mmCIF file of all heavy atoms, coordinates in Angstrom:
data_MODEL
# 
_entry.id   MODEL 
# 
loop_
_atom_site.group_PDB 
_atom_site.id 
_atom_site.type_symbol 
_atom_site.label_atom_id 
_atom_site.label_alt_id 
_atom_site.label_comp_id 
_atom_site.label_asym_id 
_atom_site.label_entity_id 
_atom_site.label_seq_id 
_atom_site.pdbx_PDB_ins_code 
_atom_site.Cartn_x 
_atom_site.Cartn_y 
_atom_site.Cartn_z 
_atom_site.occupancy 
_atom_site.B_iso_or_equiv 
_atom_site.pdbx_formal_charge 
_atom_site.auth_seq_id 
_atom_site.auth_comp_id 
_atom_site.auth_asym_id 
_atom_site.auth_atom_id 
_atom_site.pdbx_PDB_model_num 
ATOM 1   N N   . LEU A 1 1  ? 3.264   3.513   -5.809 1.00 0.00 ? 1  LEU A N   1 
ATOM 2   C CA  . LEU A 1 1  ? 4.456   3.598   -4.959 1.00 0.00 ? 1  LEU A CA  1 
ATOM 3   C C   . LEU A 1 1  ? 5.092   2.225   -4.797 1.00 0.00 ? 1  LEU A C   1 
ATOM 4   O O   . LEU A 1 1  ? 4.472   1.191   -5.031 1.00 0.00 ? 1  LEU A O   1 
ATOM 5   C CB  . LEU A 1 1  ? 4.124   4.210   -3.602 1.00 0.00 ? 1  LEU A CB  1 
ATOM 6   C CG  . LEU A 1 1  ? 3.062   3.608   -2.689 1.00 0.00 ? 1  LEU A CG  1 
ATOM 7   C CD1 . LEU A 1 1  ? 3.518   2.314   -2.040 1.00 0.00 ? 1  LEU A CD1 1 
ATOM 8   C CD2 . LEU A 1 1  ? 2.701   4.613   -1.585 1.00 0.00 ? 1  LEU A CD2 1 
ATOM 9   N N   . SER A 1 2  ? 6.364   2.223   -4.388 1.00 0.00 ? 2  SER A N   1 
ATOM 10  C CA  . SER A 1 2  ? 7.063   0.978   -4.072 1.00 0.00 ? 2  SER A CA  1 
ATOM 11  C C   . SER A 1 2  ? 6.801   0.653   -2.608 1.00 0.00 ? 2  SER A C   1 
ATOM 12  O O   . SER A 1 2  ? 7.000   1.499   -1.728 1.00 0.00 ? 2  SER A O   1 
ATOM 13  C CB  . SER A 1 2  ? 8.559   1.129   -4.319 1.00 0.00 ? 2  SER A CB  1 
ATOM 14  O OG  . SER A 1 2  ? 8.816   1.382   -5.684 1.00 0.00 ? 2  SER A OG  1 
ATOM 15  N N   . LEU A 1 3  ? 6.369   -0.568  -2.359 1.00 0.00 ? 3  LEU A N   1 
ATOM 16  C CA  . LEU A 1 3  ? 5.953   -0.965  -1.018 1.00 0.00 ? 3  LEU A CA  1 
ATOM 17  C C   . LEU A 1 3  ? 6.562   -2.307  -0.662 1.00 0.00 ? 3  LEU A C   1 
ATOM 18  O O   . LEU A 1 3  ? 6.482   -3.270  -1.440 1.00 0.00 ? 3  LEU A O   1 
ATOM 19  C CB  . LEU A 1 3  ? 4.423   -1.048  -0.953 1.00 0.00 ? 3  LEU A CB  1 
ATOM 20  C CG  . LEU A 1 3  ? 3.807   -1.471  0.380  1.00 0.00 ? 3  LEU A CG  1 
ATOM 21  C CD1 . LEU A 1 3  ? 3.824   -0.305  1.365  1.00 0.00 ? 3  LEU A CD1 1 
ATOM 22  C CD2 . LEU A 1 3  ? 2.376   -1.968  0.191  1.00 0.00 ? 3  LEU A CD2 1 
ATOM 23  N N   . TRP A 1 4  ? 7.156   -2.374  0.529  1.00 0.00 ? 4  TRP A N   1 
ATOM 24  C CA  . TRP A 1 4  ? 7.612   -3.654  1.066  1.00 0.00 ? 4  TRP A CA  1 
ATOM 25  C C   . TRP A 1 4  ? 6.515   -4.205  1.970  1.00 0.00 ? 4  TRP A C   1 
ATOM 26  O O   . TRP A 1 4  ? 5.940   -3.480  2.779  1.00 0.00 ? 4  TRP A O   1 
ATOM 27  C CB  . TRP A 1 4  ? 8.892   -3.462  1.876  1.00 0.00 ? 4  TRP A CB  1 
ATOM 28  C CG  . TRP A 1 4  ? 9.365   -4.730  2.538  1.00 0.00 ? 4  TRP A CG  1 
ATOM 29  C CD1 . TRP A 1 4  ? 10.251  -5.625  2.048  1.00 0.00 ? 4  TRP A CD1 1 
ATOM 30  C CD2 . TRP A 1 4  ? 8.938   -5.242  3.800  1.00 0.00 ? 4  TRP A CD2 1 
ATOM 31  N NE1 . TRP A 1 4  ? 10.416  -6.674  2.915  1.00 0.00 ? 4  TRP A NE1 1 
ATOM 32  C CE2 . TRP A 1 4  ? 9.617   -6.464  4.014  1.00 0.00 ? 4  TRP A CE2 1 
ATOM 33  C CE3 . TRP A 1 4  ? 8.060   -4.791  4.778  1.00 0.00 ? 4  TRP A CE3 1 
ATOM 34  C CZ2 . TRP A 1 4  ? 9.434   -7.228  5.154  1.00 0.00 ? 4  TRP A CZ2 1 
ATOM 35  C CZ3 . TRP A 1 4  ? 7.870   -5.558  5.911  1.00 0.00 ? 4  TRP A CZ3 1 
ATOM 36  C CH2 . TRP A 1 4  ? 8.562   -6.762  6.091  1.00 0.00 ? 4  TRP A CH2 1 
ATOM 37  N N   . HIS A 1 5  ? 6.229   -5.506  1.829  1.00 0.00 ? 5  HIS A N   1 
ATOM 38  C CA  . HIS A 1 5  ? 5.190   -6.121  2.663  1.00 0.00 ? 5  HIS A CA  1 
ATOM 39  C C   . HIS A 1 5  ? 5.460   -7.608  2.783  1.00 0.00 ? 5  HIS A C   1 
ATOM 40  O O   . HIS A 1 5  ? 5.575   -8.315  1.771  1.00 0.00 ? 5  HIS A O   1 
ATOM 41  C CB  . HIS A 1 5  ? 3.800   -5.902  2.050  1.00 0.00 ? 5  HIS A CB  1 
ATOM 42  C CG  . HIS A 1 5  ? 2.680   -6.539  2.829  1.00 0.00 ? 5  HIS A CG  1 
ATOM 43  N ND1 . HIS A 1 5  ? 2.102   -5.933  3.924  1.00 0.00 ? 5  HIS A ND1 1 
ATOM 44  C CD2 . HIS A 1 5  ? 2.056   -7.729  2.673  1.00 0.00 ? 5  HIS A CD2 1 
ATOM 45  C CE1 . HIS A 1 5  ? 1.160   -6.721  4.406  1.00 0.00 ? 5  HIS A CE1 1 
ATOM 46  N NE2 . HIS A 1 5  ? 1.114   -7.824  3.674  1.00 0.00 ? 5  HIS A NE2 1 
ATOM 47  N N   . GLY A 1 6  ? 5.613   -8.083  4.027  1.00 0.00 ? 6  GLY A N   1 
ATOM 48  C CA  . GLY A 1 6  ? 5.741   -9.514  4.281  1.00 0.00 ? 6  GLY A CA  1 
ATOM 49  C C   . GLY A 1 6  ? 6.926   -10.175 3.613  1.00 0.00 ? 6  GLY A C   1 
ATOM 50  O O   . GLY A 1 6  ? 6.843   -11.342 3.224  1.00 0.00 ? 6  GLY A O   1 
ATOM 51  N N   . GLY A 1 7  ? 8.021   -9.430  3.456  1.00 0.00 ? 7  GLY A N   1 
ATOM 52  C CA  . GLY A 1 7  ? 9.215   -9.999  2.858  1.00 0.00 ? 7  GLY A CA  1 
ATOM 53  C C   . GLY A 1 7  ? 9.301   -9.864  1.357  1.00 0.00 ? 7  GLY A C   1 
ATOM 54  O O   . GLY A 1 7  ? 10.279  -10.307 0.742  1.00 0.00 ? 7  GLY A O   1 
ATOM 55  N N   . GLU A 1 8  ? 8.298   -9.249  0.736  1.00 0.00 ? 8  GLU A N   1 
ATOM 56  C CA  . GLU A 1 8  ? 8.276   -9.056  -0.715 1.00 0.00 ? 8  GLU A CA  1 
ATOM 57  C C   . GLU A 1 8  ? 8.106   -7.565  -1.025 1.00 0.00 ? 8  GLU A C   1 
ATOM 58  O O   . GLU A 1 8  ? 7.697   -6.775  -0.172 1.00 0.00 ? 8  GLU A O   1 
ATOM 59  C CB  . GLU A 1 8  ? 7.128   -9.841  -1.354 1.00 0.00 ? 8  GLU A CB  1 
ATOM 60  C CG  . GLU A 1 8  ? 7.158   -11.345 -1.104 1.00 0.00 ? 8  GLU A CG  1 
ATOM 61  C CD  . GLU A 1 8  ? 8.206   -12.060 -1.947 1.00 0.00 ? 8  GLU A CD  1 
ATOM 62  O OE1 . GLU A 1 8  ? 8.798   -11.422 -2.841 1.00 0.00 ? 8  GLU A OE1 1 
ATOM 63  O OE2 . GLU A 1 8  ? 8.423   -13.264 -1.709 1.00 0.00 ? 8  GLU A OE2 1 
ATOM 64  N N   . CYS A 1 9  ? 8.423   -7.212  -2.285 1.00 0.00 ? 9  CYS A N   1 
ATOM 65  C CA  . CYS A 1 9  ? 8.263   -5.828  -2.728 1.00 0.00 ? 9  CYS A CA  1 
ATOM 66  C C   . CYS A 1 9  ? 7.181   -5.750  -3.799 1.00 0.00 ? 9  CYS A C   1 
ATOM 67  O O   . CYS A 1 9  ? 7.018   -6.685  -4.595 1.00 0.00 ? 9  CYS A O   1 
ATOM 68  C CB  . CYS A 1 9  ? 9.582   -5.283  -3.265 1.00 0.00 ? 9  CYS A CB  1 
ATOM 69  S SG  . CYS A 1 9  ? 10.893  -5.188  -2.007 1.00 0.00 ? 9  CYS A SG  1 
ATOM 70  N N   . TYR A 1 10 ? 6.475   -4.623  -3.808 1.00 0.00 ? 10 TYR A N   1 
ATOM 71  C CA  . TYR A 1 10 ? 5.318   -4.482  -4.691 1.00 0.00 ? 10 TYR A CA  1 
ATOM 72  C C   . TYR A 1 10 ? 5.223   -3.050  -5.227 1.00 0.00 ? 10 TYR A C   1 
ATOM 73  O O   . TYR A 1 10 ? 5.766   -2.108  -4.641 1.00 0.00 ? 10 TYR A O   1 
ATOM 74  C CB  . TYR A 1 10 ? 4.021   -4.794  -3.930 1.00 0.00 ? 10 TYR A CB  1 
ATOM 75  C CG  . TYR A 1 10 ? 3.961   -6.179  -3.340 1.00 0.00 ? 10 TYR A CG  1 
ATOM 76  C CD1 . TYR A 1 10 ? 4.440   -6.432  -2.057 1.00 0.00 ? 10 TYR A CD1 1 
ATOM 77  C CD2 . TYR A 1 10 ? 3.430   -7.246  -4.069 1.00 0.00 ? 10 TYR A CD2 1 
ATOM 78  C CE1 . TYR A 1 10 ? 4.398   -7.707  -1.521 1.00 0.00 ? 10 TYR A CE1 1 
ATOM 79  C CE2 . TYR A 1 10 ? 3.374   -8.522  -3.537 1.00 0.00 ? 10 TYR A CE2 1 
ATOM 80  C CZ  . TYR A 1 10 ? 3.860   -8.751  -2.254 1.00 0.00 ? 10 TYR A CZ  1 
ATOM 81  O OH  . TYR A 1 10 ? 3.823   -10.012 -1.719 1.00 0.00 ? 10 TYR A OH  1 
ATOM 82  N N   . ARG A 1 11 ? 4.521   -2.895  -6.341 1.00 0.00 ? 11 ARG A N   1 
ATOM 83  C CA  . ARG A 1 11 ? 4.035   -1.598  -6.804 1.00 0.00 ? 11 ARG A CA  1 
ATOM 84  C C   . ARG A 1 11 ? 2.568   -1.541  -6.399 1.00 0.00 ? 11 ARG A C   1 
ATOM 85  O O   . ARG A 1 11 ? 1.773   -2.408  -6.804 1.00 0.00 ? 11 ARG A O   1 
ATOM 86  C CB  . ARG A 1 11 ? 4.154   -1.459  -8.317 1.00 0.00 ? 11 ARG A CB  1 
ATOM 87  C CG  . ARG A 1 11 ? 5.579   -1.526  -8.833 1.00 0.00 ? 11 ARG A CG  1 
ATOM 88  C CD  . ARG A 1 11 ? 6.360   -0.269  -8.555 1.00 0.00 ? 11 ARG A CD  1 
ATOM 89  N NE  . ARG A 1 11 ? 7.649   -0.307  -9.252 1.00 0.00 ? 11 ARG A NE  1 
ATOM 90  C CZ  . ARG A 1 11 ? 8.714   0.386   -8.885 1.00 0.00 ? 11 ARG A CZ  1 
ATOM 91  N NH1 . ARG A 1 11 ? 8.645   1.150   -7.808 1.00 0.00 ? 11 ARG A NH1 1 
ATOM 92  N NH2 . ARG A 1 11 ? 9.826   0.301   -9.559 1.00 0.00 ? 11 ARG A NH2 1 
ATOM 93  N N   . ALA A 1 12 ? 2.211   -0.556  -5.606 1.00 0.00 ? 12 ALA A N   1 
ATOM 94  C CA  . ALA A 1 12 ? 0.876   -0.591  -5.010 1.00 0.00 ? 12 ALA A CA  1 
ATOM 95  C C   . ALA A 1 12 ? 0.183   0.760   -5.074 1.00 0.00 ? 12 ALA A C   1 
ATOM 96  O O   . ALA A 1 12 ? 0.815   1.812   -5.056 1.00 0.00 ? 12 ALA A O   1 
ATOM 97  C CB  . ALA A 1 12 ? 0.974   -1.046  -3.553 1.00 0.00 ? 12 ALA A CB  1 
ATOM 98  N N   . GLN A 1 13 ? -1.135  0.686   -5.141 1.00 0.00 ? 13 GLN A N   1 
ATOM 99  C CA  . GLN A 1 13 ? -2.015  1.839   -4.999 1.00 0.00 ? 13 GLN A CA  1 
ATOM 100 C C   . GLN A 1 13 ? -3.021  1.526   -3.897 1.00 0.00 ? 13 GLN A C   1 
ATOM 101 O O   . GLN A 1 13 ? -3.152  0.382   -3.454 1.00 0.00 ? 13 GLN A O   1 
ATOM 102 C CB  . GLN A 1 13 ? -2.724  2.145   -6.316 1.00 0.00 ? 13 GLN A CB  1 
ATOM 103 C CG  . GLN A 1 13 ? -1.795  2.633   -7.421 1.00 0.00 ? 13 GLN A CG  1 
ATOM 104 C CD  . GLN A 1 13 ? -2.530  2.954   -8.707 1.00 0.00 ? 13 GLN A CD  1 
ATOM 105 O OE1 . GLN A 1 13 ? -3.365  2.173   -9.170 1.00 0.00 ? 13 GLN A OE1 1 
ATOM 106 N NE2 . GLN A 1 13 ? -2.220  4.083   -9.313 1.00 0.00 ? 13 GLN A NE2 1 
ATOM 107 N N   . ALA A 1 14 ? -3.731  2.548   -3.437 1.00 0.00 ? 14 ALA A N   1 
ATOM 108 C CA  . ALA A 1 14 ? -4.721  2.342   -2.380 1.00 0.00 ? 14 ALA A CA  1 
ATOM 109 C C   . ALA A 1 14 ? -5.890  1.509   -2.891 1.00 0.00 ? 14 ALA A C   1 
ATOM 110 O O   . ALA A 1 14 ? -6.255  1.611   -4.073 1.00 0.00 ? 14 ALA A O   1 
ATOM 111 C CB  . ALA A 1 14 ? -5.216  3.693   -1.874 1.00 0.00 ? 14 ALA A CB  1 
ATOM 112 N N   . PRO A 1 15 ? -6.453  0.675   -2.018 1.00 0.00 ? 15 PRO A N   1 
ATOM 113 C CA  . PRO A 1 15 ? -6.076  0.482   -0.619 1.00 0.00 ? 15 PRO A CA  1 
ATOM 114 C C   . PRO A 1 15 ? -4.758  -0.285  -0.482 1.00 0.00 ? 15 PRO A C   1 
ATOM 115 O O   . PRO A 1 15 ? -4.587  -1.340  -1.097 1.00 0.00 ? 15 PRO A O   1 
ATOM 116 C CB  . PRO A 1 15 ? -7.251  -0.314  -0.029 1.00 0.00 ? 15 PRO A CB  1 
ATOM 117 C CG  . PRO A 1 15 ? -7.895  -0.990  -1.203 1.00 0.00 ? 15 PRO A CG  1 
ATOM 118 C CD  . PRO A 1 15 ? -7.683  -0.085  -2.373 1.00 0.00 ? 15 PRO A CD  1 
ATOM 119 N N   . LEU A 1 16 ? -3.836  0.271   0.298  1.00 0.00 ? 16 LEU A N   1 
ATOM 120 C CA  . LEU A 1 16 ? -2.492  -0.273  0.392  1.00 0.00 ? 16 LEU A CA  1 
ATOM 121 C C   . LEU A 1 16 ? -2.432  -1.502  1.286  1.00 0.00 ? 16 LEU A C   1 
ATOM 122 O O   . LEU A 1 16 ? -3.044  -1.533  2.356  1.00 0.00 ? 16 LEU A O   1 
ATOM 123 C CB  . LEU A 1 16 ? -1.532  0.789   0.951  1.00 0.00 ? 16 LEU A CB  1 
ATOM 124 C CG  . LEU A 1 16 ? -1.280  2.018   0.084  1.00 0.00 ? 16 LEU A CG  1 
ATOM 125 C CD1 . LEU A 1 16 ? -0.371  2.986   0.830  1.00 0.00 ? 16 LEU A CD1 1 
ATOM 126 C CD2 . LEU A 1 16 ? -0.670  1.629   -1.256 1.00 0.00 ? 16 LEU A CD2 1 
ATOM 127 N N   . PRO A 1 17 ? -1.662  -2.512  0.901  1.00 0.00 ? 17 PRO A N   1 
ATOM 128 C CA  . PRO A 1 17 ? -1.415  -3.651  1.784  1.00 0.00 ? 17 PRO A CA  1 
ATOM 129 C C   . PRO A 1 17 ? -0.740  -3.204  3.081  1.00 0.00 ? 17 PRO A C   1 
ATOM 130 O O   . PRO A 1 17 ? 0.077   -2.271  3.090  1.00 0.00 ? 17 PRO A O   1 
ATOM 131 C CB  . PRO A 1 17 ? -0.472  -4.534  0.959  1.00 0.00 ? 17 PRO A CB  1 
ATOM 132 C CG  . PRO A 1 17 ? -0.722  -4.149  -0.461 1.00 0.00 ? 17 PRO A CG  1 
ATOM 133 C CD  . PRO A 1 17 ? -1.041  -2.684  -0.424 1.00 0.00 ? 17 PRO A CD  1 
ATOM 134 N N   . GLY A 1 18 ? -1.123  -3.870  4.172  1.00 0.00 ? 18 GLY A N   1 
ATOM 135 C CA  . GLY A 1 18 ? -0.552  -3.532  5.468  1.00 0.00 ? 18 GLY A CA  1 
ATOM 136 C C   . GLY A 1 18 ? -1.372  -2.543  6.258  1.00 0.00 ? 18 GLY A C   1 
ATOM 137 O O   . GLY A 1 18 ? -0.979  -2.136  7.356  1.00 0.00 ? 18 GLY A O   1 
ATOM 138 N N   . ALA A 1 19 ? -2.523  -2.154  5.725  1.00 0.00 ? 19 ALA A N   1 
ATOM 139 C CA  . ALA A 1 19 ? -3.360  -1.164  6.401  1.00 0.00 ? 19 ALA A CA  1 
ATOM 140 C C   . ALA A 1 19 ? -4.825  -1.584  6.308  1.00 0.00 ? 19 ALA A C   1 
ATOM 141 O O   . ALA A 1 19 ? -5.234  -2.275  5.372  1.00 0.00 ? 19 ALA A O   1 
ATOM 142 C CB  . ALA A 1 19 ? -3.174  0.219   5.786  1.00 0.00 ? 19 ALA A CB  1 
ATOM 143 N N   . THR A 1 20 ? -5.618  -1.142  7.285  1.00 0.00 ? 20 THR A N   1 
ATOM 144 C CA  . THR A 1 20 ? -7.051  -1.398  7.257  1.00 0.00 ? 20 THR A CA  1 
ATOM 145 C C   . THR A 1 20 ? -7.750  -0.393  6.340  1.00 0.00 ? 20 THR A C   1 
ATOM 146 O O   . THR A 1 20 ? -7.185  0.632   5.962  1.00 0.00 ? 20 THR A O   1 
ATOM 147 C CB  . THR A 1 20 ? -7.654  -1.306  8.668  1.00 0.00 ? 20 THR A CB  1 
ATOM 148 O OG1 . THR A 1 20 ? -7.364  -0.002  9.220  1.00 0.00 ? 20 THR A OG1 1 
ATOM 149 C CG2 . THR A 1 20 ? -7.070  -2.369  9.586  1.00 0.00 ? 20 THR A CG2 1 
ATOM 150 N N   . GLY A 1 21 ? -9.004  -0.709  6.010  1.00 0.00 ? 21 GLY A N   1 
ATOM 151 C CA  . GLY A 1 21 ? -9.818  0.202   5.213  1.00 0.00 ? 21 GLY A CA  1 
ATOM 152 C C   . GLY A 1 21 ? -9.789  -0.130  3.734  1.00 0.00 ? 21 GLY A C   1 
ATOM 153 O O   . GLY A 1 21 ? -8.865  -0.786  3.234  1.00 0.00 ? 21 GLY A O   1 
ATOM 154 N N   . GLN A 1 22 ? -10.793 0.371   3.028  1.00 0.00 ? 22 GLN A N   1 
ATOM 155 C CA  . GLN A 1 22 ? -10.918 0.122   1.594  1.00 0.00 ? 22 GLN A CA  1 
ATOM 156 C C   . GLN A 1 22 ? -10.975 1.412   0.789  1.00 0.00 ? 22 GLN A C   1 
ATOM 157 O O   . GLN A 1 22 ? -11.331 1.408   -0.392 1.00 0.00 ? 22 GLN A O   1 
ATOM 158 C CB  . GLN A 1 22 ? -12.177 -0.716  1.335  1.00 0.00 ? 22 GLN A CB  1 
ATOM 159 C CG  . GLN A 1 22 ? -12.143 -2.065  2.018  1.00 0.00 ? 22 GLN A CG  1 
ATOM 160 C CD  . GLN A 1 22 ? -13.375 -2.909  1.715  1.00 0.00 ? 22 GLN A CD  1 
ATOM 161 O OE1 . GLN A 1 22 ? -14.141 -2.606  0.807  1.00 0.00 ? 22 GLN A OE1 1 
ATOM 162 N NE2 . GLN A 1 22 ? -13.574 -3.967  2.487  1.00 0.00 ? 22 GLN A NE2 1 
ATOM 163 N N   . GLY A 1 23 ? -10.617 2.533   1.445  1.00 0.00 ? 23 GLY A N   1 
ATOM 164 C CA  . GLY A 1 23 ? -10.637 3.815   0.757  1.00 0.00 ? 23 GLY A CA  1 
ATOM 165 C C   . GLY A 1 23 ? -9.259  4.217   0.262  1.00 0.00 ? 23 GLY A C   1 
ATOM 166 O O   . GLY A 1 23 ? -8.430  3.379   -0.076 1.00 0.00 ? 23 GLY A O   1 
ATOM 167 N N   . ASP A 1 24 ? -9.042  5.512   0.225  1.00 0.00 ? 24 ASP A N   1 
ATOM 168 C CA  . ASP A 1 24 ? -7.773  6.044   -0.272 1.00 0.00 ? 24 ASP A CA  1 
ATOM 169 C C   . ASP A 1 24 ? -6.774  6.195   0.871  1.00 0.00 ? 24 ASP A C   1 
ATOM 170 O O   . ASP A 1 24 ? -7.132  6.104   2.054  1.00 0.00 ? 24 ASP A O   1 
ATOM 171 C CB  . ASP A 1 24 ? -8.000  7.394   -0.958 1.00 0.00 ? 24 ASP A CB  1 
ATOM 172 C CG  . ASP A 1 24 ? -6.970  7.670   -2.051 1.00 0.00 ? 24 ASP A CG  1 
ATOM 173 O OD1 . ASP A 1 24 ? -5.909  7.010   -2.047 1.00 0.00 ? 24 ASP A OD1 1 
ATOM 174 O OD2 . ASP A 1 24 ? -7.208  8.547   -2.891 1.00 0.00 ? 24 ASP A OD2 1 
ATOM 175 N N   . SER A 1 25 ? -5.529  6.444   0.503  1.00 0.00 ? 25 SER A N   1 
ATOM 176 C CA  . SER A 1 25 ? -4.438  6.593   1.470  1.00 0.00 ? 25 SER A CA  1 
ATOM 177 C C   . SER A 1 25 ? -3.592  7.794   1.078  1.00 0.00 ? 25 SER A C   1 
ATOM 178 O O   . SER A 1 25 ? -3.437  8.098   -0.113 1.00 0.00 ? 25 SER A O   1 
ATOM 179 C CB  . SER A 1 25 ? -3.572  5.329   1.480  1.00 0.00 ? 25 SER A CB  1 
ATOM 180 O OG  . SER A 1 25 ? -2.374  5.531   2.192  1.00 0.00 ? 25 SER A OG  1 
ATOM 181 N N   . LEU A 1 26 ? -3.008  8.455   2.062  1.00 0.00 ? 26 LEU A N   1 
ATOM 182 C CA  . LEU A 1 26 ? -2.214  9.648   1.747  1.00 0.00 ? 26 LEU A CA  1 
ATOM 183 C C   . LEU A 1 26 ? -0.836  9.309   1.179  1.00 0.00 ? 26 LEU A C   1 
ATOM 184 O O   . LEU A 1 26 ? -0.191  10.140  0.542  1.00 0.00 ? 26 LEU A O   1 
ATOM 185 C CB  . LEU A 1 26 ? -2.104  10.578  2.953  1.00 0.00 ? 26 LEU A CB  1 
ATOM 186 C CG  . LEU A 1 26 ? -1.315  10.175  4.189  1.00 0.00 ? 26 LEU A CG  1 
ATOM 187 C CD1 . LEU A 1 26 ? 0.161   10.469  4.054  1.00 0.00 ? 26 LEU A CD1 1 
ATOM 188 C CD2 . LEU A 1 26 ? -1.846  10.937  5.408  1.00 0.00 ? 26 LEU A CD2 1 
ATOM 189 N N   . TRP A 1 27 ? -0.336  8.070   1.385  1.00 0.00 ? 27 TRP A N   1 
ATOM 190 C CA  . TRP A 1 27 ? 1.051   7.763   1.006  1.00 0.00 ? 27 TRP A CA  1 
ATOM 191 C C   . TRP A 1 27 ? 1.268   7.707   -0.498 1.00 0.00 ? 27 TRP A C   1 
ATOM 192 O O   . TRP A 1 27 ? 2.336   8.172   -0.973 1.00 0.00 ? 27 TRP A O   1 
ATOM 193 C CB  . TRP A 1 27 ? 1.503   6.493   1.708  1.00 0.00 ? 27 TRP A CB  1 
ATOM 194 C CG  . TRP A 1 27 ? 1.188   6.567   3.180  1.00 0.00 ? 27 TRP A CG  1 
ATOM 195 C CD1 . TRP A 1 27 ? 0.323   5.782   3.885  1.00 0.00 ? 27 TRP A CD1 1 
ATOM 196 C CD2 . TRP A 1 27 ? 1.666   7.549   4.116  1.00 0.00 ? 27 TRP A CD2 1 
ATOM 197 N NE1 . TRP A 1 27 ? 0.252   6.196   5.193  1.00 0.00 ? 27 TRP A NE1 1 
ATOM 198 C CE2 . TRP A 1 27 ? 1.053   7.283   5.372  1.00 0.00 ? 27 TRP A CE2 1 
ATOM 199 C CE3 . TRP A 1 27 ? 2.541   8.631   4.023  1.00 0.00 ? 27 TRP A CE3 1 
ATOM 200 C CZ2 . TRP A 1 27 ? 1.301   8.044   6.510  1.00 0.00 ? 27 TRP A CZ2 1 
ATOM 201 C CZ3 . TRP A 1 27 ? 2.789   9.398   5.158  1.00 0.00 ? 27 TRP A CZ3 1 
ATOM 202 C CH2 . TRP A 1 27 ? 2.181   9.102   6.380  1.00 0.00 ? 27 TRP A CH2 1 
ATOM 203 N N   . PRO A 1 28 ? 0.352   7.201   -1.326 1.00 0.00 ? 28 PRO A N   1 
ATOM 204 C CA  . PRO A 1 28 ? 0.559   7.331   -2.776 1.00 0.00 ? 28 PRO A CA  1 
ATOM 205 C C   . PRO A 1 28 ? 0.620   8.789   -3.231 1.00 0.00 ? 28 PRO A C   1 
ATOM 206 O O   . PRO A 1 28 ? 1.389   9.123   -4.140 1.00 0.00 ? 28 PRO A O   1 
ATOM 207 C CB  . PRO A 1 28 ? -0.657  6.612   -3.375 1.00 0.00 ? 28 PRO A CB  1 
ATOM 208 C CG  . PRO A 1 28 ? -1.050  5.621   -2.329 1.00 0.00 ? 28 PRO A CG  1 
ATOM 209 C CD  . PRO A 1 28 ? -0.805  6.327   -1.025 1.00 0.00 ? 28 PRO A CD  1 
ATOM 210 N N   . TRP A 1 29 ? -0.159  9.649   -2.567 1.00 0.00 ? 29 TRP A N   1 
ATOM 211 C CA  . TRP A 1 29 ? -0.126  11.070  -2.914 1.00 0.00 ? 29 TRP A CA  1 
ATOM 212 C C   . TRP A 1 29 ? 1.180   11.715  -2.466 1.00 0.00 ? 29 TRP A C   1 
ATOM 213 O O   . TRP A 1 29 ? 1.723   12.576  -3.168 1.00 0.00 ? 29 TRP A O   1 
ATOM 214 C CB  . TRP A 1 29 ? -1.331  11.789  -2.301 1.00 0.00 ? 29 TRP A CB  1 
ATOM 215 C CG  . TRP A 1 29 ? -2.625  11.334  -2.894 1.00 0.00 ? 29 TRP A CG  1 
ATOM 216 C CD1 . TRP A 1 29 ? -3.502  10.408  -2.385 1.00 0.00 ? 29 TRP A CD1 1 
ATOM 217 C CD2 . TRP A 1 29 ? -3.178  11.748  -4.146 1.00 0.00 ? 29 TRP A CD2 1 
ATOM 218 N NE1 . TRP A 1 29 ? -4.566  10.229  -3.234 1.00 0.00 ? 29 TRP A NE1 1 
ATOM 219 C CE2 . TRP A 1 29 ? -4.393  11.031  -4.327 1.00 0.00 ? 29 TRP A CE2 1 
ATOM 220 C CE3 . TRP A 1 29 ? -2.771  12.650  -5.125 1.00 0.00 ? 29 TRP A CE3 1 
ATOM 221 C CZ2 . TRP A 1 29 ? -5.191  11.209  -5.448 1.00 0.00 ? 29 TRP A CZ2 1 
ATOM 222 C CZ3 . TRP A 1 29 ? -3.571  12.816  -6.246 1.00 0.00 ? 29 TRP A CZ3 1 
ATOM 223 C CH2 . TRP A 1 29 ? -4.772  12.105  -6.397 1.00 0.00 ? 29 TRP A CH2 1 
# 
């Protein structure tokens, strides 16, 4: 997914920047 974080843009998969945890996330799904 396209993710904005800290003033920059990224292509990201879980674990997503900006969130706690090291598992999966529902937002890529």
